[in-house]
Amino acid sequence: MKDKSKLDKEIFLSMVKASSLDTEDPHLEELYSYVESLFPAFKVAEGIDLMDVEPMMVFIPSKE
């Protein structure tokens, strides 16, 4: 049984690829360690009921 409190390396690499980052970058191991240390905080938020919460309106100005 996998430990669900840890971020699976394969999932991390798929997120890296989906973000158009270089999967061969030598800094990825350092980034993985950092993201993995933050992962338990995200698991806490998993149990929060947000069904009645409206999404924030976000304004992103153009880069022109």
Foldseek 3Di string as FASTA:
>chain_A
DDDPLFDDPVVVLVVCVVVVHDSPDPCVVVVRVVVRVCSNVVVVVVPDDCPPPDDDDDDDDDPD
